[in-house]
Amino acid sequence: TGEELTLPYAYAMRLFSAGFVEGGEPGRPQTAETALKRVNPPAK
């Protein structure tokens, strides 16, 4: 609990939907945007 992970969006959403994301409430999908912070990939 409390460990920080970085995953592709689809996998992160699986954990969000299962209630594993801190600050996220599966019953309130709008909380996904704040709980799952976007990681900017390095410019290619």
PDB file of all heavy atoms in Angstrom:
ATOM      1  N   THR A   1       0.845  -1.187   0.000  1.00  0.00           N
ATOM      2  CA  THR A   1       0.000   0.000   0.000  1.00  0.00           C
ATOM      3  C   THR A   1       0.888   1.248   0.000  1.00  0.00           C
ATOM      4  O   THR A   1       1.867   1.310   0.738  1.00  0.00           O
ATOM      5  CB  THR A   1      -0.898   0.009   1.251  1.00  0.00           C
ATOM      6  OG1 THR A   1      -1.693  -1.169   1.242  1.00  0.00           O
ATOM      7  CG2 THR A   1      -1.791   1.236   1.291  1.00  0.00           C
ATOM      8  N   GLY A   2       0.549   2.218  -0.857  1.00  0.00           N
ATOM      9  CA  GLY A   2       1.298   3.463  -0.921  1.00  0.00           C
ATOM     10  C   GLY A   2       2.426   3.459  -1.938  1.00  0.00           C
ATOM     11  O   GLY A   2       2.982   4.522  -2.233  1.00  0.00           O
ATOM     12  N   GLU A   3       2.779   2.285  -2.488  1.00  0.00           N
ATOM     13  CA  GLU A   3       3.836   2.250  -3.512  1.00  0.00           C
ATOM     14  C   GLU A   3       3.341   2.931  -4.771  1.00  0.00           C
ATOM     15  O   GLU A   3       2.178   2.813  -5.143  1.00  0.00           O
ATOM     16  CB  GLU A   3       4.243   0.811  -3.838  1.00  0.00           C
ATOM     17  CG  GLU A   3       5.193   0.224  -2.840  1.00  0.00           C
ATOM     18  CD  GLU A   3       5.860  -1.044  -3.346  1.00  0.00           C
ATOM     19  OE1 GLU A   3       6.634  -0.961  -4.324  1.00  0.00           O
ATOM     20  OE2 GLU A   3       5.586  -2.100  -2.761  1.00  0.00           O
ATOM     21  N   GLU A   4       4.250   3.646  -5.440  1.00  0.00           N
ATOM     22  CA  GLU A   4       3.910   4.346  -6.665  1.00  0.00           C
ATOM     23  C   GLU A   4       4.244   3.468  -7.863  1.00  0.00           C
ATOM     24  O   GLU A   4       5.346   2.930  -7.953  1.00  0.00           O
ATOM     25  CB  GLU A   4       4.682   5.663  -6.748  1.00  0.00           C
ATOM     26  CG  GLU A   4       4.178   6.567  -7.844  1.00  0.00           C
ATOM     27  CD  GLU A   4       4.793   7.952  -7.739  1.00  0.00           C
ATOM     28  OE1 GLU A   4       5.939   8.115  -8.199  1.00  0.00           O
ATOM     29  OE2 GLU A   4       4.135   8.833  -7.175  1.00  0.00           O
ATOM     30  N   LEU A   5       3.288   3.325  -8.765  1.00  0.00           N
ATOM     31  CA  LEU A   5       3.470   2.527  -9.976  1.00  0.00           C
ATOM     32  C   LEU A   5       3.227   3.391 -11.202  1.00  0.00           C
ATOM     33  O   LEU A   5       2.471   4.362 -11.147  1.00  0.00           O
ATOM     34  CB  LEU A   5       2.479   1.353 -10.006  1.00  0.00           C
ATOM     35  CG  LEU A   5       2.551   0.334  -8.882  1.00  0.00           C
ATOM     36  CD1 LEU A   5       1.462  -0.708  -9.059  1.00  0.00           C
ATOM     37  CD2 LEU A   5       3.912  -0.327  -8.847  1.00  0.00           C
ATOM     38  N   THR A   6       3.853   3.014 -12.306  1.00  0.00           N
ATOM     39  CA  THR A   6       3.597   3.641 -13.590  1.00  0.00           C
ATOM     40  C   THR A   6       3.247   2.520 -14.559  1.00  0.00           C
ATOM     41  O   THR A   6       4.056   1.620 -14.774  1.00  0.00           O
ATOM     42  CB  THR A   6       4.832   4.424 -14.091  1.00  0.00           C
ATOM     43  OG1 THR A   6       5.149   5.427 -13.123  1.00  0.00           O
ATOM     44  CG2 THR A   6       4.562   5.083 -15.430  1.00  0.00           C
ATOM     45  N   LEU A   7       2.040   2.592 -15.100  1.00  0.00           N
ATOM     46  CA  LEU A   7       1.540   1.552 -15.994  1.00  0.00           C
ATOM     47  C   LEU A   7       0.845   2.167 -17.196  1.00  0.00           C
ATOM     48  O   LEU A   7       0.393   3.317 -17.136  1.00  0.00           O
ATOM     49  CB  LEU A   7       0.525   0.666 -15.267  1.00  0.00           C
ATOM     50  CG  LEU A   7       1.036  -0.259 -14.174  1.00  0.00           C
ATOM     51  CD1 LEU A   7      -0.142  -0.923 -13.459  1.00  0.00           C
ATOM     52  CD2 LEU A   7       1.941  -1.318 -14.768  1.00  0.00           C
ATOM     53  N   PRO A   8       0.707   1.395 -18.291  1.00  0.00           N
ATOM     54  CA  PRO A   8      -0.119   1.874 -19.402  1.00  0.00           C
ATOM     55  C   PRO A   8      -1.544   2.133 -18.914  1.00  0.00           C
ATOM     56  O   PRO A   8      -2.029   1.491 -17.967  1.00  0.00           O
ATOM     57  CB  PRO A   8      -0.087   0.707 -20.398  1.00  0.00           C
ATOM     58  CG  PRO A   8       1.161  -0.039 -20.072  1.00  0.00           C
ATOM     59  CD  PRO A   8       1.328   0.102 -18.578  1.00  0.00           C
ATOM     60  N   TYR A   9      -2.203   3.041 -19.559  1.00  0.00           N
ATOM     61  CA  TYR A   9      -3.550   3.474 -19.156  1.00  0.00           C
ATOM     62  C   TYR A   9      -4.507   2.298 -18.958  1.00  0.00           C
ATOM     63  O   TYR A   9      -5.239   2.245 -17.957  1.00  0.00           O
ATOM     64  CB  TYR A   9      -4.110   4.440 -20.210  1.00  0.00           C
ATOM     65  CG  TYR A   9      -5.508   4.897 -19.918  1.00  0.00           C
ATOM     66  CD1 TYR A   9      -5.757   5.856 -18.946  1.00  0.00           C
ATOM     67  CD2 TYR A   9      -6.595   4.366 -20.613  1.00  0.00           C
ATOM     68  CE1 TYR A   9      -7.048   6.284 -18.674  1.00  0.00           C
ATOM     69  CE2 TYR A   9      -7.888   4.786 -20.338  1.00  0.00           C
ATOM     70  CZ  TYR A   9      -8.104   5.738 -19.373  1.00  0.00           C
ATOM     71  OH  TYR A   9      -9.373   6.160 -19.098  1.00  0.00           O
ATOM     72  N   ALA A  10      -4.532   1.335 -19.872  1.00  0.00           N
ATOM     73  CA  ALA A  10      -5.470   0.217 -19.782  1.00  0.00           C
ATOM     74  C   ALA A  10      -5.261  -0.580 -18.495  1.00  0.00           C
ATOM     75  O   ALA A  10      -6.228  -0.948 -17.819  1.00  0.00           O
ATOM     76  CB  ALA A  10      -5.341  -0.695 -21.002  1.00  0.00           C
ATOM     77  N   TYR A  11      -4.007  -0.840 -18.145  1.00  0.00           N
ATOM     78  CA  TYR A  11      -3.721  -1.585 -16.913  1.00  0.00           C
ATOM     79  C   TYR A  11      -4.039  -0.750 -15.680  1.00  0.00           C
ATOM     80  O   TYR A  11      -4.551  -1.250 -14.682  1.00  0.00           O
ATOM     81  CB  TYR A  11      -2.269  -2.048 -16.873  1.00  0.00           C
ATOM     82  CG  TYR A  11      -1.947  -3.123 -17.866  1.00  0.00           C
ATOM     83  CD1 TYR A  11      -0.751  -3.107 -18.553  1.00  0.00           C
ATOM     84  CD2 TYR A  11      -2.825  -4.162 -18.134  1.00  0.00           C
ATOM     85  CE1 TYR A  11      -0.425  -4.100 -19.468  1.00  0.00           C
ATOM     86  CE2 TYR A  11      -2.515  -5.154 -19.043  1.00  0.00           C
ATOM     87  CZ  TYR A  11      -1.319  -5.119 -19.708  1.00  0.00           C
ATOM     88  OH  TYR A  11      -1.012  -6.102 -20.607  1.00  0.00           O
ATOM     89  N   ALA A  12      -3.727   0.538 -15.739  1.00  0.00           N
ATOM     90  CA  ALA A  12      -4.026   1.425 -14.615  1.00  0.00           C
ATOM     91  C   ALA A  12      -5.537   1.490 -14.377  1.00  0.00           C
ATOM     92  O   ALA A  12      -5.992   1.474 -13.238  1.00  0.00           O
ATOM     93  CB  ALA A  12      -3.463   2.821 -14.882  1.00  0.00           C
ATOM     94  N   MET A  13      -6.311   1.508 -15.459  1.00  0.00           N
ATOM     95  CA  MET A  13      -7.769   1.541 -15.328  1.00  0.00           C
ATOM     96  C   MET A  13      -8.307   0.241 -14.744  1.00  0.00           C
ATOM     97  O   MET A  13      -9.306   0.245 -14.023  1.00  0.00           O
ATOM     98  CB  MET A  13      -8.430   1.844 -16.673  1.00  0.00           C
ATOM     99  CG  MET A  13      -8.428   3.320 -17.032  1.00  0.00           C
ATOM    100  SD  MET A  13      -9.211   4.390 -15.795  1.00  0.00           S
ATOM    101  CE  MET A  13     -10.921   3.866 -15.892  1.00  0.00           C
ATOM    102  N   ARG A  14      -7.660  -0.881 -15.051  1.00  0.00           N
ATOM    103  CA  ARG A  14      -8.081  -2.156 -14.454  1.00  0.00           C
ATOM    104  C   ARG A  14      -7.948  -2.083 -12.933  1.00  0.00           C
ATOM    105  O   ARG A  14      -8.844  -2.499 -12.204  1.00  0.00           O
ATOM    106  CB  ARG A  14      -7.241  -3.307 -14.998  1.00  0.00           C
ATOM    107  CG  ARG A  14      -7.637  -3.725 -16.391  1.00  0.00           C
ATOM    108  CD  ARG A  14      -6.723  -4.760 -16.978  1.00  0.00           C
ATOM    109  NE  ARG A  14      -6.677  -5.987 -16.187  1.00  0.00           N
ATOM    110  CZ  ARG A  14      -5.868  -7.004 -16.477  1.00  0.00           C
ATOM    111  NH1 ARG A  14      -5.072  -6.930 -17.540  1.00  0.00           N
ATOM    112  NH2 ARG A  14      -5.864  -8.074 -15.739  1.00  0.00           N
ATOM    113  N   LEU A  15      -6.819  -1.536 -12.471  1.00  0.00           N
ATOM    114  CA  LEU A  15      -6.609  -1.405 -11.031  1.00  0.00           C
ATOM    115  C   LEU A  15      -7.556  -0.366 -10.428  1.00  0.00           C
ATOM    116  O   LEU A  15      -8.062  -0.543  -9.325  1.00  0.00           O
ATOM    117  CB  LEU A  15      -5.160  -1.062 -10.728  1.00  0.00           C
ATOM    118  CG  LEU A  15      -4.167  -2.197 -10.974  1.00  0.00           C
ATOM    119  CD1 LEU A  15      -2.743  -1.709 -10.779  1.00  0.00           C
ATOM    120  CD2 LEU A  15      -4.454  -3.377 -10.069  1.00  0.00           C
ATOM    121  N   PHE A  16      -7.800   0.717 -11.166  1.00  0.00           N
ATOM    122  CA  PHE A  16      -8.742   1.744 -10.707  1.00  0.00           C
ATOM    123  C   PHE A  16     -10.123   1.124 -10.511  1.00  0.00           C
ATOM    124  O   PHE A  16     -10.764   1.309  -9.472  1.00  0.00           O
ATOM    125  CB  PHE A  16      -8.810   2.891 -11.718  1.00  0.00           C
ATOM    126  CG  PHE A  16      -9.874   3.900 -11.389  1.00  0.00           C
ATOM    127  CD1 PHE A  16      -9.615   4.919 -10.492  1.00  0.00           C
ATOM    128  CD2 PHE A  16     -11.124   3.820 -11.972  1.00  0.00           C
ATOM    129  CE1 PHE A  16     -10.600   5.845 -10.172  1.00  0.00           C
ATOM    130  CE2 PHE A  16     -12.114   4.737 -11.660  1.00  0.00           C
ATOM    131  CZ  PHE A  16     -11.847   5.750 -10.758  1.00  0.00           C
ATOM    132  N   SER A  17     -10.575   0.366 -11.481  1.00  0.00           N
ATOM    133  CA  SER A  17     -11.909  -0.249 -11.426  1.00  0.00           C
ATOM    134  C   SER A  17     -12.038  -1.257 -10.290  1.00  0.00           C
ATOM    135  O   SER A  17     -13.127  -1.479  -9.770  1.00  0.00           O
ATOM    136  CB  SER A  17     -12.233  -0.935 -12.749  1.00  0.00           C
ATOM    137  OG  SER A  17     -12.283   0.020 -13.778  1.00  0.00           O
ATOM    138  N   ALA A  18     -10.913  -1.866  -9.915  1.00  0.00           N
ATOM    139  CA  ALA A  18     -10.915  -2.840  -8.821  1.00  0.00           C
ATOM    140  C   ALA A  18     -10.709  -2.182  -7.459  1.00  0.00           C
ATOM    141  O   ALA A  18     -10.677  -2.872  -6.439  1.00  0.00           O
ATOM    142  CB  ALA A  18      -9.827  -3.883  -9.073  1.00  0.00           C
ATOM    143  N   GLY A  19     -10.545  -0.849  -7.426  1.00  0.00           N
ATOM    144  CA  GLY A  19     -10.398  -0.143  -6.162  1.00  0.00           C
ATOM    145  C   GLY A  19      -8.983  -0.116  -5.604  1.00  0.00           C
ATOM    146  O   GLY A  19      -8.787   0.159  -4.433  1.00  0.00           O
ATOM    147  N   PHE A  20      -7.978  -0.371  -6.446  1.00  0.00           N
ATOM    148  CA  PHE A  20      -6.596  -0.420  -5.985  1.00  0.00           C
ATOM    149  C   PHE A  20      -5.849   0.901  -6.107  1.00  0.00           C
ATOM    150  O   PHE A  20      -4.689   0.978  -5.742  1.00  0.00           O
ATOM    151  CB  PHE A  20      -5.819  -1.491  -6.762  1.00  0.00           C
ATOM    152  CG  PHE A  20      -6.014  -2.876  -6.219  1.00  0.00           C
ATOM    153  CD1 PHE A  20      -7.126  -3.617  -6.561  1.00  0.00           C
ATOM    154  CD2 PHE A  20      -5.086  -3.438  -5.358  1.00  0.00           C
ATOM    155  CE1 PHE A  20      -7.319  -4.891  -6.062  1.00  0.00           C
ATOM    156  CE2 PHE A  20      -5.259  -4.706  -4.852  1.00  0.00           C
ATOM    157  CZ  PHE A  20      -6.385  -5.437  -5.201  1.00  0.00           C
ATOM    158  N   VAL A  21      -6.470   1.937  -6.649  1.00  0.00           N
ATOM    159  CA  VAL A  21      -5.782   3.210  -6.870  1.00  0.00           C
ATOM    160  C   VAL A  21      -6.142   4.196  -5.760  1.00  0.00           C
ATOM    161  O   VAL A  21      -7.322   4.491  -5.537  1.00  0.00           O
ATOM    162  CB  VAL A  21      -6.130   3.796  -8.251  1.00  0.00           C
ATOM    163  CG1 VAL A  21      -5.507   5.175  -8.434  1.00  0.00           C
ATOM    164  CG2 VAL A  21      -5.663   2.855  -9.348  1.00  0.00           C
ATOM    165  N   GLU A  22      -5.115   4.690  -5.083  1.00  0.00           N
ATOM    166  CA  GLU A  22      -5.315   5.669  -4.014  1.00  0.00           C
ATOM    167  C   GLU A  22      -5.941   6.939  -4.591  1.00  0.00           C
ATOM    168  O   GLU A  22      -5.489   7.461  -5.599  1.00  0.00           O
ATOM    169  CB  GLU A  22      -3.964   5.992  -3.382  1.00  0.00           C
ATOM    170  CG  GLU A  22      -4.031   6.857  -2.154  1.00  0.00           C
ATOM    171  CD  GLU A  22      -2.668   7.055  -1.547  1.00  0.00           C
ATOM    172  OE1 GLU A  22      -2.177   6.109  -0.892  1.00  0.00           O
ATOM    173  OE2 GLU A  22      -2.077   8.140  -1.740  1.00  0.00           O
ATOM    174  N   GLY A  23      -6.998   7.420  -3.933  1.00  0.00           N
ATOM    175  CA  GLY A  23      -7.662   8.642  -4.384  1.00  0.00           C
ATOM    176  C   GLY A  23      -8.699   8.409  -5.467  1.00  0.00           C
ATOM    177  O   GLY A  23      -9.356   9.345  -5.898  1.00  0.00           O
ATOM    178  N   GLY A  24      -8.837   7.186  -5.912  1.00  0.00           N
ATOM    179  CA  GLY A  24      -9.820   6.864  -6.941  1.00  0.00           C
ATOM    180  C   GLY A  24     -11.015   6.139  -6.352  1.00  0.00           C
ATOM    181  O   GLY A  24     -10.871   5.339  -5.438  1.00  0.00           O
ATOM    182  N   GLU A  25     -12.182   6.458  -6.856  1.00  0.00           N
ATOM    183  CA  GLU A  25     -13.404   5.794  -6.426  1.00  0.00           C
ATOM    184  C   GLU A  25     -14.045   5.158  -7.654  1.00  0.00           C
ATOM    185  O   GLU A  25     -14.559   5.870  -8.522  1.00  0.00           O
ATOM    186  CB  GLU A  25     -14.365   6.801  -5.801  1.00  0.00           C
ATOM    187  CG  GLU A  25     -13.831   7.464  -4.543  1.00  0.00           C
ATOM    188  CD  GLU A  25     -14.792   8.498  -4.005  1.00  0.00           C
ATOM    189  OE1 GLU A  25     -16.019   8.238  -4.012  1.00  0.00           O
ATOM    190  OE2 GLU A  25     -14.312   9.567  -3.600  1.00  0.00           O
ATOM    191  N   PRO A  26     -14.030   3.820  -7.749  1.00  0.00           N
ATOM    192  CA  PRO A  26     -14.596   3.160  -8.926  1.00  0.00           C
ATOM    193  C   PRO A  26     -16.039   3.559  -9.229  1.00  0.00           C
ATOM    194  O   PRO A  26     -16.432   3.604 -10.386  1.00  0.00           O
ATOM    195  CB  PRO A  26     -14.507   1.668  -8.581  1.00  0.00           C
ATOM    196  CG  PRO A  26     -13.405   1.581  -7.596  1.00  0.00           C
ATOM    197  CD  PRO A  26     -13.459   2.860  -6.810  1.00  0.00           C
ATOM    198  N   GLY A  27     -16.823   3.897  -8.224  1.00  0.00           N
ATOM    199  CA  GLY A  27     -18.203   4.321  -8.433  1.00  0.00           C
ATOM    200  C   GLY A  27     -18.318   5.728  -8.999  1.00  0.00           C
ATOM    201  O   GLY A  27     -19.398   6.143  -9.410  1.00  0.00           O
ATOM    202  N   ARG A  28     -17.212   6.449  -8.988  1.00  0.00           N
ATOM    203  CA  ARG A  28     -17.180   7.817  -9.528  1.00  0.00           C
ATOM    204  C   ARG A  28     -16.061   7.903 -10.567  1.00  0.00           C
ATOM    205  O   ARG A  28     -14.937   8.300 -10.248  1.00  0.00           O
ATOM    206  CB  ARG A  28     -16.942   8.823  -8.404  1.00  0.00           C
ATOM    207  CG  ARG A  28     -18.091   8.837  -7.380  1.00  0.00           C
ATOM    208  CD  ARG A  28     -17.879   9.840  -6.273  1.00  0.00           C
ATOM    209  NE  ARG A  28     -17.660  11.175  -6.809  1.00  0.00           N
ATOM    210  CZ  ARG A  28     -16.809  12.048  -6.265  1.00  0.00           C
ATOM    211  NH1 ARG A  28     -16.118  11.735  -5.198  1.00  0.00           N
ATOM    212  NH2 ARG A  28     -16.673  13.245  -6.794  1.00  0.00           N
ATOM    213  N   PRO A  29     -16.348   7.539 -11.816  1.00  0.00           N
ATOM    214  CA  PRO A  29     -15.307   7.496 -12.854  1.00  0.00           C
ATOM    215  C   PRO A  29     -14.545   8.808 -13.035  1.00  0.00           C
ATOM    216  O   PRO A  29     -13.390   8.794 -13.456  1.00  0.00           O
ATOM    217  CB  PRO A  29     -16.081   7.148 -14.131  1.00  0.00           C
ATOM    218  CG  PRO A  29     -17.349   6.530 -13.663  1.00  0.00           C
ATOM    219  CD  PRO A  29     -17.643   7.131 -12.319  1.00  0.00           C
ATOM    220  N   GLN A  30     -15.157   9.942 -12.696  1.00  0.00           N
ATOM    221  CA  GLN A  30     -14.474  11.227 -12.864  1.00  0.00           C
ATOM    222  C   GLN A  30     -13.253  11.346 -11.958  1.00  0.00           C
ATOM    223  O   GLN A  30     -12.368  12.156 -12.211  1.00  0.00           O
ATOM    224  CB  GLN A  30     -15.443  12.405 -12.657  1.00  0.00           C
ATOM    225  CG  GLN A  30     -16.046  12.515 -11.276  1.00  0.00           C
ATOM    226  CD  GLN A  30     -17.316  11.707 -11.081  1.00  0.00           C
ATOM    227  OE1 GLN A  30     -17.566  10.737 -11.783  1.00  0.00           O
ATOM    228  NE2 GLN A  30     -18.123  12.097 -10.091  1.00  0.00           N
ATOM    229  N   THR A  31     -13.150  10.504 -10.915  1.00  0.00           N
ATOM    230  CA  THR A  31     -11.982  10.552 -10.033  1.00  0.00           C
ATOM    231  C   THR A  31     -10.758   9.905 -10.672  1.00  0.00           C
ATOM    232  O   THR A  31      -9.644  10.094 -10.186  1.00  0.00           O
ATOM    233  CB  THR A  31     -12.261   9.875  -8.672  1.00  0.00           C
ATOM    234  OG1 THR A  31     -12.549   8.497  -8.880  1.00  0.00           O
ATOM    235  CG2 THR A  31     -13.409  10.548  -7.942  1.00  0.00           C
ATOM    236  N   ALA A  32     -10.947   9.171 -11.753  1.00  0.00           N
ATOM    237  CA  ALA A  32      -9.816   8.519 -12.433  1.00  0.00           C
ATOM    238  C   ALA A  32      -8.826   9.556 -12.955  1.00  0.00           C
ATOM    239  O   ALA A  32      -7.613   9.351 -12.906  1.00  0.00           O
ATOM    240  CB  ALA A  32     -10.302   7.634 -13.577  1.00  0.00           C
ATOM    241  N   GLU A  33      -9.340  10.663 -13.460  1.00  0.00           N
ATOM    242  CA  GLU A  33      -8.463  11.681 -14.047  1.00  0.00           C
ATOM    243  C   GLU A  33      -7.482  12.256 -13.036  1.00  0.00           C
ATOM    244  O   GLU A  33      -6.323  12.504 -13.349  1.00  0.00           O
ATOM    245  CB  GLU A  33      -9.306  12.802 -14.656  1.00  0.00           C
ATOM    246  CG  GLU A  33      -8.500  13.758 -15.496  1.00  0.00           C
ATOM    247  CD  GLU A  33      -9.385  14.762 -16.202  1.00  0.00           C
ATOM    248  OE1 GLU A  33     -10.517  14.433 -16.560  1.00  0.00           O
ATOM    249  OE2 GLU A  33      -8.903  15.891 -16.399  1.00  0.00           O
ATOM    250  N   THR A  34      -7.927  12.454 -11.800  1.00  0.00           N
ATOM    251  CA  THR A  34      -7.032  13.013 -10.787  1.00  0.00           C
ATOM    252  C   THR A  34      -6.180  11.940 -10.120  1.00  0.00           C
ATOM    253  O   THR A  34      -5.051  12.203  -9.739  1.00  0.00           O
ATOM    254  CB  THR A  34      -7.816  13.793  -9.714  1.00  0.00           C
ATOM    255  OG1 THR A  34      -8.828  12.955  -9.183  1.00  0.00           O
ATOM    256  CG2 THR A  34      -8.443  15.041 -10.294  1.00  0.00           C
ATOM    257  N   ALA A  35      -6.714  10.728  -9.983  1.00  0.00           N
ATOM    258  CA  ALA A  35      -5.969   9.652  -9.317  1.00  0.00           C
ATOM    259  C   ALA A  35      -4.889   9.049 -10.219  1.00  0.00           C
ATOM    260  O   ALA A  35      -3.839   8.629  -9.738  1.00  0.00           O
ATOM    261  CB  ALA A  35      -6.921   8.555  -8.857  1.00  0.00           C
ATOM    262  N   LEU A  36      -5.143   9.015 -11.525  1.00  0.00           N
ATOM    263  CA  LEU A  36      -4.184   8.454 -12.488  1.00  0.00           C
ATOM    264  C   LEU A  36      -3.513   9.613 -13.214  1.00  0.00           C
ATOM    265  O   LEU A  36      -4.048  10.145 -14.177  1.00  0.00           O
ATOM    266  CB  LEU A  36      -4.902   7.541 -13.487  1.00  0.00           C
ATOM    267  CG  LEU A  36      -5.666   6.366 -12.893  1.00  0.00           C
ATOM    268  CD1 LEU A  36      -6.453   5.651 -13.980  1.00  0.00           C
ATOM    269  CD2 LEU A  36      -4.730   5.407 -12.194  1.00  0.00           C
ATOM    270  N   LYS A  37      -2.351   9.980 -12.739  1.00  0.00           N
ATOM    271  CA  LYS A  37      -1.651  11.136 -13.316  1.00  0.00           C
ATOM    272  C   LYS A  37      -0.927  10.745 -14.591  1.00  0.00           C
ATOM    273  O   LYS A  37      -0.185   9.770 -14.620  1.00  0.00           O
ATOM    274  CB  LYS A  37      -0.674  11.705 -12.292  1.00  0.00           C
ATOM    275  CG  LYS A  37      -1.396  12.301 -11.098  1.00  0.00           C
ATOM    276  CD  LYS A  37      -0.469  12.552  -9.945  1.00  0.00           C
ATOM    277  CE  LYS A  37      -1.168  13.069  -8.734  1.00  0.00           C
ATOM    278  NZ  LYS A  37      -2.312  12.330  -8.283  1.00  0.00           N
ATOM    279  N   ARG A  38      -1.138  11.526 -15.638  1.00  0.00           N
ATOM    280  CA  ARG A  38      -0.506  11.257 -16.936  1.00  0.00           C
ATOM    281  C   ARG A  38       1.001  11.481 -16.837  1.00  0.00           C
ATOM    282  O   ARG A  38       1.459  12.455 -16.260  1.00  0.00           O
ATOM    283  CB  ARG A  38      -1.081  12.155 -18.013  1.00  0.00           C
ATOM    284  CG  ARG A  38      -0.545  11.874 -19.406  1.00  0.00           C
ATOM    285  CD  ARG A  38      -1.125  12.839 -20.427  1.00  0.00           C
ATOM    286  NE  ARG A  38      -2.568  12.754 -20.507  1.00  0.00           N
ATOM    287  CZ  ARG A  38      -3.210  11.986 -21.391  1.00  0.00           C
ATOM    288  NH1 ARG A  38      -2.535  11.259 -22.235  1.00  0.00           N
ATOM    289  NH2 ARG A  38      -4.521  11.967 -21.416  1.00  0.00           N
ATOM    290  N   VAL A  39       1.759  10.563 -17.422  1.00  0.00           N
ATOM    291  CA  VAL A  39       3.218  10.676 -17.478  1.00  0.00           C
ATOM    292  C   VAL A  39       3.562  11.118 -18.888  1.00  0.00           C
ATOM    293  O   VAL A  39       3.183  10.458 -19.855  1.00  0.00           O
ATOM    294  CB  VAL A  39       3.894   9.318 -17.163  1.00  0.00           C
ATOM    295  CG1 VAL A  39       5.394   9.416 -17.346  1.00  0.00           C
ATOM    296  CG2 VAL A  39       3.544   8.858 -15.764  1.00  0.00           C
ATOM    297  N   ASN A  40       4.254  12.236 -19.000  1.00  0.00           N
ATOM    298  CA  ASN A  40       4.646  12.710 -20.322  1.00  0.00           C
ATOM    299  C   ASN A  40       5.819  11.895 -20.828  1.00  0.00           C
ATOM    300  O   ASN A  40       6.880  11.889 -20.199  1.00  0.00           O
ATOM    301  CB  ASN A  40       5.032  14.192 -20.277  1.00  0.00           C
ATOM    302  CG  ASN A  40       3.850  15.063 -19.934  1.00  0.00           C
ATOM    303  OD1 ASN A  40       2.718  14.737 -20.270  1.00  0.00           O
ATOM    304  ND2 ASN A  40       4.100  16.162 -19.264  1.00  0.00           N
ATOM    305  N   PRO A  41       5.644  11.189 -21.955  1.00  0.00           N
ATOM    306  CA  PRO A  41       6.762  10.417 -22.490  1.00  0.00           C
ATOM    307  C   PRO A  41       7.842  11.361 -23.020  1.00  0.00           C
ATOM    308  O   PRO A  41       7.546  12.505 -23.386  1.00  0.00           O
ATOM    309  CB  PRO A  41       6.137   9.616 -23.627  1.00  0.00           C
ATOM    310  CG  PRO A  41       4.935  10.391 -24.026  1.00  0.00           C
ATOM    311  CD  PRO A  41       4.454  11.109 -22.782  1.00  0.00           C
ATOM    312  N   PRO A  42       9.089  10.912 -23.056  1.00  0.00           N
ATOM    313  CA  PRO A  42      10.140  11.759 -23.607  1.00  0.00           C
ATOM    314  C   PRO A  42       9.860  12.034 -25.081  1.00  0.00           C
ATOM    315  O   PRO A  42       9.318  11.180 -25.779  1.00  0.00           O
ATOM    316  CB  PRO A  42      11.415  10.932 -23.435  1.00  0.00           C
ATOM    317  CG  PRO A  42      10.946   9.532 -23.238  1.00  0.00           C
ATOM    318  CD  PRO A  42       9.571   9.610 -22.648  1.00  0.00           C
ATOM    319  N   ALA A  43      10.208  13.218 -25.507  1.00  0.00           N
ATOM    320  CA  ALA A  43       9.988  13.585 -26.904  1.00  0.00           C
ATOM    321  C   ALA A  43      10.837  12.699 -27.807  1.00  0.00           C
ATOM    322  O   ALA A  43      12.018  12.498 -27.558  1.00  0.00           O
ATOM    323  CB  ALA A  43      10.331  15.050 -27.118  1.00  0.00           C
ATOM    324  N   LYS A  44      10.213  12.168 -28.845  1.00  0.00           N
ATOM    325  CA  LYS A  44      10.932  11.330 -29.798  1.00  0.00           C
ATOM    326  C   LYS A  44      11.256  12.174 -31.020  1.00  0.00           C
ATOM    327  O   LYS A  44      10.427  12.962 -31.472  1.00  0.00           O
ATOM    328  CB  LYS A  44      10.068  10.149 -30.227  1.00  0.00           C
ATOM    329  CG  LYS A  44       9.778   9.180 -29.117  1.00  0.00           C
ATOM    330  CD  LYS A  44       8.945   8.037 -29.632  1.00  0.00           C
ATOM    331  CE  LYS A  44       8.603   7.084 -28.508  1.00  0.00           C
ATOM    332  NZ  LYS A  44       7.757   5.992 -28.956  1.00  0.00           N
TER     333      LYS A  44
END
